[in-house]
């Protein structure tokens, strides 16, 4: 078995473009592609963490919807023909959690105060960090009021 991107045997498979690592969020598609030369026909077998992926025998492999379980997975492809075989370099898949839109979980409460007293408003929210806050008074942004309280 020849390993790497070149081969000394005439007509043996040779990888001309290695599969590239991918970074996606949960649910997104990830596609790995390899380009090769060598005496036809060339056979392809994609592997995930060293294990052959059943039915994945073309020059590209697509994960239709990545999951957190796919994070850190290492993909390679073995190309072979009647002369020999070659294994690609590793392409790593990084899967990050899906972004979550901000949502207010506790609304600011109305207050009644006497002139000169301090009024303190606060809000609680969830969503993908970092969350940004901007307080307004009568629909006008309050300068510097950019925290949850």
C-alpha atoms as a PDB file:
ATOM      1  CA  UNK A   1       0.000   0.000   0.000  1.00  0.00           C
ATOM      2  CA  UNK A   2       1.320   3.402  -0.947  1.00  0.00           C
ATOM      3  CA  UNK A   3       0.549   6.161   1.551  1.00  0.00           C
ATOM      4  CA  UNK A   4       0.616   9.912   0.897  1.00  0.00           C
ATOM      5  CA  UNK A   5      -0.018  12.088  -2.110  1.00  0.00           C
ATOM      6  CA  UNK A   6       2.520  10.677  -4.567  1.00  0.00           C
ATOM      7  CA  UNK A   7       3.324   7.250  -5.884  1.00  0.00           C
ATOM      8  CA  UNK A   8       6.492   5.855  -7.440  1.00  0.00           C
ATOM      9  CA  UNK A   9       4.627   3.108  -9.343  1.00  0.00           C
ATOM     10  CA  UNK A  10       3.601   4.068 -12.916  1.00  0.00           C
ATOM     11  CA  UNK A  11      -0.226   4.160 -13.167  1.00  0.00           C
ATOM     12  CA  UNK A  12      -0.802   3.796  -9.421  1.00  0.00           C
ATOM     13  CA  UNK A  13      -3.374   6.173  -7.921  1.00  0.00           C
ATOM     14  CA  UNK A  14      -2.019   9.573  -6.946  1.00  0.00           C
ATOM     15  CA  UNK A  15      -3.942  12.212  -5.026  1.00  0.00           C
ATOM     16  CA  UNK A  16      -3.765  15.627  -6.700  1.00  0.00           C
ATOM     17  CA  UNK A  17      -6.067  17.449  -4.238  1.00  0.00           C
ATOM     18  CA  UNK A  18      -6.451  16.235  -0.650  1.00  0.00           C
ATOM     19  CA  UNK A  19      -9.816  16.429   1.150  1.00  0.00           C
ATOM     20  CA  UNK A  20     -10.029  19.587   3.278  1.00  0.00           C
ATOM     21  CA  UNK A  21     -11.240  19.857   6.854  1.00  0.00           C
ATOM     22  CA  UNK A  22     -14.686  21.354   7.384  1.00  0.00           C
ATOM     23  CA  UNK A  23     -16.238  23.496  10.116  1.00  0.00           C
ATOM     24  CA  UNK A  24     -20.033  23.512  10.248  1.00  0.00           C
ATOM     25  CA  UNK A  25     -22.813  24.045  12.762  1.00  0.00           C
ATOM     26  CA  UNK A  26     -25.209  21.297  13.832  1.00  0.00           C
ATOM     27  CA  UNK A  27     -27.574  20.396  10.991  1.00  0.00           C
ATOM     28  CA  UNK A  28     -25.399  21.788   8.200  1.00  0.00           C
ATOM     29  CA  UNK A  29     -24.028  19.790   5.272  1.00  0.00           C
ATOM     30  CA  UNK A  30     -20.323  18.900   5.152  1.00  0.00           C
ATOM     31  CA  UNK A  31     -18.736  17.708   1.899  1.00  0.00           C
ATOM     32  CA  UNK A  32     -15.290  16.176   1.496  1.00  0.00           C
ATOM     33  CA  UNK A  33     -13.764  15.865  -1.979  1.00  0.00           C
ATOM     34  CA  UNK A  34     -10.601  14.311  -3.367  1.00  0.00           C
ATOM     35  CA  UNK A  35      -9.027  14.587  -6.827  1.00  0.00           C
ATOM     36  CA  UNK A  36      -6.767  11.850  -8.148  1.00  0.00           C
ATOM     37  CA  UNK A  37      -5.001  10.450 -11.170  1.00  0.00           C
ATOM     38  CA  UNK A  38      -3.962   6.926 -12.070  1.00  0.00           C
ATOM     39  CA  UNK A  39      -4.834   4.086 -14.389  1.00  0.00           C
ATOM     40  CA  UNK A  40      -8.605   3.732 -14.683  1.00  0.00           C
ATOM     41  CA  UNK A  41     -10.791   2.542 -13.154  1.00  0.00           C
ATOM     42  CA  UNK A  42     -10.114   4.194  -9.804  1.00  0.00           C
ATOM     43  CA  UNK A  43     -12.013   2.932  -6.760  1.00  0.00           C
ATOM     44  CA  UNK A  44     -12.784   5.146  -3.772  1.00  0.00           C
ATOM     45  CA  UNK A  45     -13.616   4.136  -0.203  1.00  0.00           C
ATOM     46  CA  UNK A  46     -14.310   6.839   2.372  1.00  0.00           C
ATOM     47  CA  UNK A  47     -13.481   6.166   6.025  1.00  0.00           C
ATOM     48  CA  UNK A  48     -14.615   7.828   9.242  1.00  0.00           C
ATOM     49  CA  UNK A  49     -12.161   7.436  12.121  1.00  0.00           C
ATOM     50  CA  UNK A  50     -10.479   4.608  10.204  1.00  0.00           C
ATOM     51  CA  UNK A  51     -13.670   2.620   9.548  1.00  0.00           C
ATOM     52  CA  UNK A  52     -15.028   2.204   6.012  1.00  0.00           C
ATOM     53  CA  UNK A  53     -18.333   4.010   5.435  1.00  0.00           C
ATOM     54  CA  UNK A  54     -20.679   1.604   3.641  1.00  0.00           C
ATOM     55  CA  UNK A  55     -21.644   2.711   0.155  1.00  0.00           C
ATOM     56  CA  UNK A  56     -19.401   5.809   0.122  1.00  0.00           C
ATOM     57  CA  UNK A  57     -17.370   5.001  -2.997  1.00  0.00           C
ATOM     58  CA  UNK A  58     -17.172   8.180  -5.093  1.00  0.00           C
ATOM     59  CA  UNK A  59     -14.698  11.060  -5.258  1.00  0.00           C
ATOM     60  CA  UNK A  60     -16.768  13.036  -2.736  1.00  0.00           C
ATOM     61  CA  UNK A  61     -18.584  12.261   0.487  1.00  0.00           C
ATOM     62  CA  UNK A  62     -21.385  14.407   1.930  1.00  0.00           C
ATOM     63  CA  UNK A  63     -22.789  14.367   5.437  1.00  0.00           C
ATOM     64  CA  UNK A  64     -26.319  15.761   4.906  1.00  0.00           C
ATOM     65  CA  UNK A  65     -26.821  17.006   8.485  1.00  0.00           C
ATOM     66  CA  UNK A  66     -23.854  17.076  10.865  1.00  0.00           C
ATOM     67  CA  UNK A  67     -24.490  16.266  14.526  1.00  0.00           C
ATOM     68  CA  UNK A  68     -22.483  16.957  17.669  1.00  0.00           C
ATOM     69  CA  UNK A  69     -21.472  13.270  17.568  1.00  0.00           C
ATOM     70  CA  UNK A  70     -19.591  14.067  14.319  1.00  0.00           C
ATOM     71  CA  UNK A  71     -17.441  16.720  16.021  1.00  0.00           C
ATOM     72  CA  UNK A  72     -13.762  15.794  15.779  1.00  0.00           C
ATOM     73  CA  UNK A  73     -14.353  12.951  13.304  1.00  0.00           C
ATOM     74  CA  UNK A  74     -11.444  12.228  10.978  1.00  0.00           C
ATOM     75  CA  UNK A  75     -12.194  11.420   7.349  1.00  0.00           C
ATOM     76  CA  UNK A  76      -9.884   9.799   4.812  1.00  0.00           C
ATOM     77  CA  UNK A  77     -10.399   8.152   1.458  1.00  0.00           C
ATOM     78  CA  UNK A  78      -8.545   5.138   0.075  1.00  0.00           C
ATOM     79  CA  UNK A  79      -8.079   5.167  -3.690  1.00  0.00           C
ATOM     80  CA  UNK A  80      -7.141   2.002  -5.478  1.00  0.00           C
ATOM     81  CA  UNK A  81      -6.795   0.497  -8.926  1.00  0.00           C
ATOM     82  CA  UNK A  82      -5.149  -2.598 -10.433  1.00  0.00           C
ATOM     83  CA  UNK A  83      -1.685  -1.113  -9.790  1.00  0.00           C
ATOM     84  CA  UNK A  84      -1.948  -0.099  -6.116  1.00  0.00           C
ATOM     85  CA  UNK A  85      -3.640   2.099  -3.559  1.00  0.00           C
ATOM     86  CA  UNK A  86      -3.106   5.355  -1.707  1.00  0.00           C
ATOM     87  CA  UNK A  87      -4.735   6.876   1.388  1.00  0.00           C
ATOM     88  CA  UNK A  88      -5.488  10.582   1.623  1.00  0.00           C
ATOM     89  CA  UNK A  89      -4.438  12.806   4.447  1.00  0.00           C
ATOM     90  CA  UNK A  90      -6.931  13.274   7.296  1.00  0.00           C
ATOM     91  CA  UNK A  91      -9.717  15.841   6.919  1.00  0.00           C
ATOM     92  CA  UNK A  92     -11.135  16.834  10.309  1.00  0.00           C
ATOM     93  CA  UNK A  93     -14.787  17.731  10.826  1.00  0.00           C
ATOM     94  CA  UNK A  94     -15.538  20.363  13.453  1.00  0.00           C
ATOM     95  CA  UNK A  95     -19.201  20.706  14.427  1.00  0.00           C
ATOM     96  CA  UNK A  96     -20.258  23.586  16.640  1.00  0.00           C
ATOM     97  CA  UNK A  97     -23.566  23.963  18.416  1.00  0.00           C
ATOM     98  CA  UNK A  98     -26.274  25.666  16.447  1.00  0.00           C
ATOM     99  CA  UNK A  99     -26.721  29.330  17.207  1.00  0.00           C
ATOM    100  CA  UNK A 100     -29.789  30.148  19.293  1.00  0.00           C
ATOM    101  CA  UNK A 101     -31.538  33.489  18.845  1.00  0.00           C
ATOM    102  CA  UNK A 102     -31.843  35.614  21.977  1.00  0.00           C
ATOM    103  CA  UNK A 103     -35.004  35.241  23.997  1.00  0.00           C
ATOM    104  CA  UNK A 104     -36.084  37.305  26.999  1.00  0.00           C
ATOM    105  CA  UNK A 105     -36.926  35.010  29.912  1.00  0.00           C
ATOM    106  CA  UNK A 106     -37.700  37.757  32.477  1.00  0.00           C
ATOM    107  CA  UNK A 107     -39.065  41.101  31.268  1.00  0.00           C
ATOM    108  CA  UNK A 108     -38.112  44.335  33.050  1.00  0.00           C
ATOM    109  CA  UNK A 109     -40.773  45.297  35.595  1.00  0.00           C
ATOM    110  CA  UNK A 110     -42.543  48.664  35.655  1.00  0.00           C
ATOM    111  CA  UNK A 111     -41.619  50.845  38.633  1.00  0.00           C
ATOM    112  CA  UNK A 112     -43.027  53.850  40.424  1.00  0.00           C
ATOM    113  CA  UNK A 113     -40.527  56.110  42.187  1.00  0.00           C
ATOM    114  CA  UNK A 114     -40.478  59.588  43.677  1.00  0.00           C
ATOM    115  CA  UNK A 115     -38.467  62.245  41.840  1.00  0.00           C
ATOM    116  CA  UNK A 116     -34.792  61.878  42.758  1.00  0.00           C
ATOM    117  CA  UNK A 117     -35.054  58.168  43.646  1.00  0.00           C
ATOM    118  CA  UNK A 118     -33.171  55.504  41.710  1.00  0.00           C
ATOM    119  CA  UNK A 119     -35.095  53.148  39.455  1.00  0.00           C
ATOM    120  CA  UNK A 120     -33.349  49.863  38.614  1.00  0.00           C
ATOM    121  CA  UNK A 121     -34.504  47.806  35.642  1.00  0.00           C
ATOM    122  CA  UNK A 122     -33.177  44.370  34.764  1.00  0.00           C
ATOM    123  CA  UNK A 123     -33.826  41.723  32.171  1.00  0.00           C
ATOM    124  CA  UNK A 124     -32.912  38.030  31.902  1.00  0.00           C
ATOM    125  CA  UNK A 125     -32.274  36.447  28.531  1.00  0.00           C
ATOM    126  CA  UNK A 126     -31.000  33.262  26.946  1.00  0.00           C
ATOM    127  CA  UNK A 127     -29.362  32.560  23.591  1.00  0.00           C
ATOM    128  CA  UNK A 128     -25.974  31.935  22.059  1.00  0.00           C
ATOM    129  CA  UNK A 129     -23.333  34.014  23.841  1.00  0.00           C
ATOM    130  CA  UNK A 130     -22.318  36.725  23.737  1.00  0.00           C
ATOM    131  CA  UNK A 131     -25.621  38.532  24.197  1.00  0.00           C
ATOM    132  CA  UNK A 132     -25.632  42.296  23.614  1.00  0.00           C
ATOM    133  CA  UNK A 133     -27.907  44.658  25.499  1.00  0.00           C
ATOM    134  CA  UNK A 134     -29.017  48.220  24.701  1.00  0.00           C
ATOM    135  CA  UNK A 135     -31.478  50.006  26.989  1.00  0.00           C
ATOM    136  CA  UNK A 136     -33.775  52.650  25.502  1.00  0.00           C
ATOM    137  CA  UNK A 137     -35.839  55.447  26.996  1.00  0.00           C
ATOM    138  CA  UNK A 138     -38.782  56.582  24.850  1.00  0.00           C
ATOM    139  CA  UNK A 139     -37.280  54.603  21.919  1.00  0.00           C
ATOM    140  CA  UNK A 140     -33.931  56.413  22.177  1.00  0.00           C
ATOM    141  CA  UNK A 141     -30.775  54.489  23.125  1.00  0.00           C
ATOM    142  CA  UNK A 142     -29.348  55.361  26.549  1.00  0.00           C
ATOM    143  CA  UNK A 143     -25.618  55.926  26.160  1.00  0.00           C
ATOM    144  CA  UNK A 144     -23.576  53.349  28.074  1.00  0.00           C
ATOM    145  CA  UNK A 145     -26.633  51.298  29.126  1.00  0.00           C
ATOM    146  CA  UNK A 146     -25.462  48.015  27.639  1.00  0.00           C
ATOM    147  CA  UNK A 147     -25.724  45.437  30.425  1.00  0.00           C
ATOM    148  CA  UNK A 148     -28.606  43.288  31.638  1.00  0.00           C
ATOM    149  CA  UNK A 149     -29.452  45.832  34.375  1.00  0.00           C
END
